[in-house]
Amino acid sequence: MESPTHDLKGLFDQLGLDSSQKAIDDFIDSHSLRDDKKLIDAEFWSPQQAGFLKEQLREDADWARVVDDLNLRMHQTH
């Protein structure tokens, strides 16, 4: 059985955020992270959003690859 394929649009939908390409790009541009700040510890997430992201990474779940991609993009923008 093949794993589901997820993308940033789907992740933003899961997080309850606007998932249009412009909104995703704007979010990433306006929420860049310092090298010493973990994505899951960023103060702009609600507790539910942070919990979802943390769980996906910890469990190496279906969304983990997309969460890693978001993390990378948010650290590259500063």
Protein backbone atom coordinates (compact mmCIF):
# COMPACT_ATOMS: atom_id res chain seq x y z
CA MET A 1 0.00 0.00 0.00
CA GLU A 2 1.30 3.41 -0.95
CA SER A 3 1.56 6.26 1.56
CA PRO A 4 -0.64 9.27 0.92
CA THR A 5 1.06 12.14 -0.87
CA HIS A 6 0.75 15.41 1.00
CA ASP A 7 1.79 18.93 0.08
CA LEU A 8 2.07 22.36 1.70
CA LYS A 9 -1.46 23.30 0.60
CA GLY A 10 -2.81 20.25 2.41
CA LEU A 11 -0.69 20.97 5.49
CA PHE A 12 -1.99 24.52 5.68
CA ASP A 13 -5.53 23.13 5.36
CA GLN A 14 -4.79 20.73 8.25
CA LEU A 15 -3.53 23.65 10.33
CA GLY A 16 -6.64 25.70 9.58
CA LEU A 17 -4.70 28.33 7.63
CA ASP A 18 -5.34 29.92 4.25
CA SER A 19 -3.89 27.45 1.78
CA SER A 20 -3.73 29.55 -1.37
CA GLN A 21 -0.22 29.70 -2.85
CA LYS A 22 0.01 33.45 -2.15
CA ALA A 23 -1.06 32.96 1.47
CA ILE A 24 1.48 30.15 1.97
CA ASP A 25 4.28 32.26 0.46
CA ASP A 26 3.25 35.29 2.54
CA PHE A 27 3.09 33.18 5.72
CA ILE A 28 6.56 31.77 5.15
CA ASP A 29 7.99 35.20 4.27
CA SER A 30 6.50 36.84 7.37
CA HIS A 31 7.31 34.04 9.83
CA SER A 32 10.96 33.30 9.12
CA LEU A 33 12.76 31.45 11.89
CA ARG A 34 16.22 31.94 13.35
CA ASP A 35 18.56 28.98 13.11
CA ASP A 36 18.21 28.29 16.83
CA LYS A 37 14.37 28.24 16.77
CA LYS A 38 12.54 24.98 16.14
CA LEU A 39 9.49 25.10 13.92
CA ILE A 40 7.36 23.38 16.57
CA ASP A 41 8.44 25.93 19.21
CA ALA A 42 7.54 29.02 17.17
CA GLU A 43 5.25 31.33 19.13
CA PHE A 44 2.84 31.96 16.25
CA TRP A 45 1.34 28.43 16.36
CA SER A 46 -1.73 27.71 18.43
CA PRO A 47 -1.27 24.86 20.93
CA GLN A 48 -3.27 22.59 18.61
CA GLN A 49 -1.18 23.48 15.57
CA ALA A 50 2.11 23.00 17.45
CA GLY A 51 0.86 19.68 18.82
CA PHE A 52 -0.08 18.45 15.35
CA LEU A 53 3.32 19.41 13.91
CA LYS A 54 5.19 17.84 16.82
CA GLU A 55 3.20 14.61 16.59
CA GLN A 56 3.78 14.31 12.85
CA LEU A 57 7.54 14.65 13.31
CA ARG A 58 7.76 12.42 16.38
CA GLU A 59 5.76 9.62 14.75
CA ASP A 60 7.44 10.09 11.36
CA ALA A 61 3.85 10.19 10.13
CA ASP A 62 2.46 10.85 6.66
CA TRP A 63 2.83 14.62 7.08
CA ALA A 64 6.43 14.52 8.39
CA ARG A 65 8.05 15.13 5.00
CA VAL A 66 5.86 18.20 4.38
CA VAL A 67 6.49 19.52 7.91
CA ASP A 68 10.23 19.13 7.26
CA ASP A 69 9.84 21.03 3.98
CA LEU A 70 7.99 23.85 5.75
CA ASN A 71 10.68 23.94 8.42
CA LEU A 72 13.39 24.23 5.79
CA ARG A 73 11.60 26.98 3.91
CA MET A 74 10.92 28.97 7.07
CA HIS A 75 14.60 28.82 8.05
CA GLN A 76 15.81 29.90 4.61
CA THR A 77 13.86 33.16 4.46
CA HIS A 78 15.87 35.19 6.98
